[in-house]
Protein backbone atom coordinates (compact mmCIF):
# COMPACT_ATOMS: atom_id res chain seq x y z
CA UNK A 1 89.89 126.78 103.21
CA UNK A 2 93.08 126.16 105.18
CA UNK A 3 91.46 123.40 107.22
CA UNK A 4 90.23 121.68 104.07
CA UNK A 5 93.74 121.64 102.62
CA UNK A 6 95.12 120.28 105.89
CA UNK A 7 92.51 117.50 105.96
CA UNK A 8 93.27 116.64 102.35
CA UNK A 9 97.03 116.53 102.97
CA UNK A 10 96.57 114.40 106.09
CA UNK A 11 94.25 112.01 104.25
CA UNK A 12 96.81 111.71 101.45
CA UNK A 13 99.69 111.05 103.85
CA UNK A 14 97.71 108.56 105.93
CA UNK A 15 96.51 106.89 102.72
CA UNK A 16 100.08 106.51 101.45
CA UNK A 17 101.10 105.08 104.82
CA UNK A 18 98.20 102.64 104.60
CA UNK A 19 99.15 101.68 101.03
CA UNK A 20 102.72 101.04 102.14
CA UNK A 21 101.46 98.82 104.96
CA UNK A 22 99.16 96.90 102.61
CA UNK A 23 102.05 96.35 100.25
CA UNK A 24 104.34 95.21 103.04
CA UNK A 25 101.75 92.77 104.34
CA UNK A 26 99.96 91.43 101.27
CA UNK A 27 102.63 91.47 98.61
CA UNK A 28 105.08 89.44 100.67
CA UNK A 29 102.46 86.75 101.21
CA UNK A 30 101.28 86.69 97.60
CA UNK A 31 104.62 86.91 95.81
CA UNK A 32 106.99 84.85 97.98
CA UNK A 33 106.08 81.59 96.28
CA UNK A 34 106.44 83.04 92.78
CA UNK A 35 109.85 84.52 93.53
CA UNK A 36 111.04 81.49 95.50
CA UNK A 37 110.15 79.10 92.70
CA UNK A 38 111.85 81.28 90.11
CA UNK A 39 108.64 81.93 88.17
CA UNK A 40 109.09 85.69 88.61
CA UNK A 41 112.06 87.88 89.30
CA UNK A 42 111.80 90.41 92.11
CA UNK A 43 111.35 93.21 89.57
CA UNK A 44 108.54 91.34 87.80
CA UNK A 45 106.84 90.55 91.11
CA UNK A 46 106.95 94.20 92.15
CA UNK A 47 105.43 95.23 88.83
CA UNK A 48 102.65 92.62 89.03
CA UNK A 49 101.92 93.55 92.64
CA UNK A 50 101.83 97.28 91.89
CA UNK A 51 99.42 96.79 89.00
CA UNK A 52 97.01 94.55 90.87
CA UNK A 53 97.14 96.33 94.23
CA UNK A 54 96.42 99.65 92.51
CA UNK A 55 93.68 98.09 90.36
CA UNK A 56 92.03 96.59 93.42
CA UNK A 57 92.04 99.92 95.22
CA UNK A 58 90.59 101.75 92.23
CA UNK A 59 87.98 99.13 91.35
CA UNK A 60 86.83 98.21 94.87
CA UNK A 61 87.60 101.39 96.80
CA UNK A 62 84.24 102.95 96.00
CA UNK A 63 82.38 99.97 97.42
CA UNK A 64 84.36 100.16 100.65
CA UNK A 65 83.58 103.87 100.92
CA UNK A 66 79.88 103.21 100.31
CA UNK A 67 79.81 100.53 102.99
CA UNK A 68 81.42 102.83 105.53
CA UNK A 69 79.20 105.76 104.57
CA UNK A 70 75.91 103.85 104.56
CA UNK A 71 76.44 100.64 106.50
CA UNK A 72 78.68 101.51 109.43
CA UNK A 73 78.28 105.19 110.29
CA UNK A 74 74.91 106.81 110.88
CA UNK A 75 75.45 110.22 109.30
CA UNK A 76 72.62 111.79 111.30
CA UNK A 77 74.90 111.79 114.35
CA UNK A 78 77.45 114.05 112.67
CA UNK A 79 75.12 116.15 110.49
CA UNK A 80 75.66 119.25 112.65
CA UNK A 81 79.45 118.95 112.79
CA UNK A 82 81.03 117.28 109.75
CA UNK A 83 84.53 117.75 111.18
CA UNK A 84 83.75 114.98 113.66
CA UNK A 85 83.30 112.60 110.73
CA UNK A 86 86.54 113.84 109.14
CA UNK A 87 88.47 113.29 112.38
CA UNK A 88 86.91 109.85 112.79
CA UNK A 89 87.79 108.80 109.25
CA UNK A 90 91.35 110.10 109.59
CA UNK A 91 91.74 108.32 112.92
CA UNK A 92 90.42 105.07 111.45
CA UNK A 93 92.78 105.32 108.48
CA UNK A 94 95.80 106.01 110.67
CA UNK A 95 94.88 103.28 113.15
CA UNK A 96 94.49 100.71 110.37
CA UNK A 97 97.83 101.75 108.86
CA UNK A 98 99.62 101.46 112.20
CA UNK A 99 98.01 98.09 112.86
CA UNK A 100 99.19 96.80 109.47
CA UNK A 101 102.71 97.91 110.32
CA UNK A 102 102.58 96.14 113.69
CA UNK A 103 100.98 92.99 112.24
CA UNK A 104 103.53 92.76 109.42
CA UNK A 105 106.51 92.58 111.75
């Protein structure tokens, strides 16, 4: 049970780090024109971005998970040791989050 809690906490932390990176990368690109032109204030842009980034994750996140589960990873390779899949998914999430941070600078 302790390992499961640790995996869940790590996934949550890595997911928040990834969400922060997505916000730093995508929101700046999408909202700069609206703020620069005066169509939105910074507060309004943050609110719009938060709503639509969250909505996109909720509405499309299941499809991404399905693609990874069925289209990228052959689960028969990790059927005997599911922790390998957990470590792989955590590593992929952390690597993507770090890459977003590097690419956004």
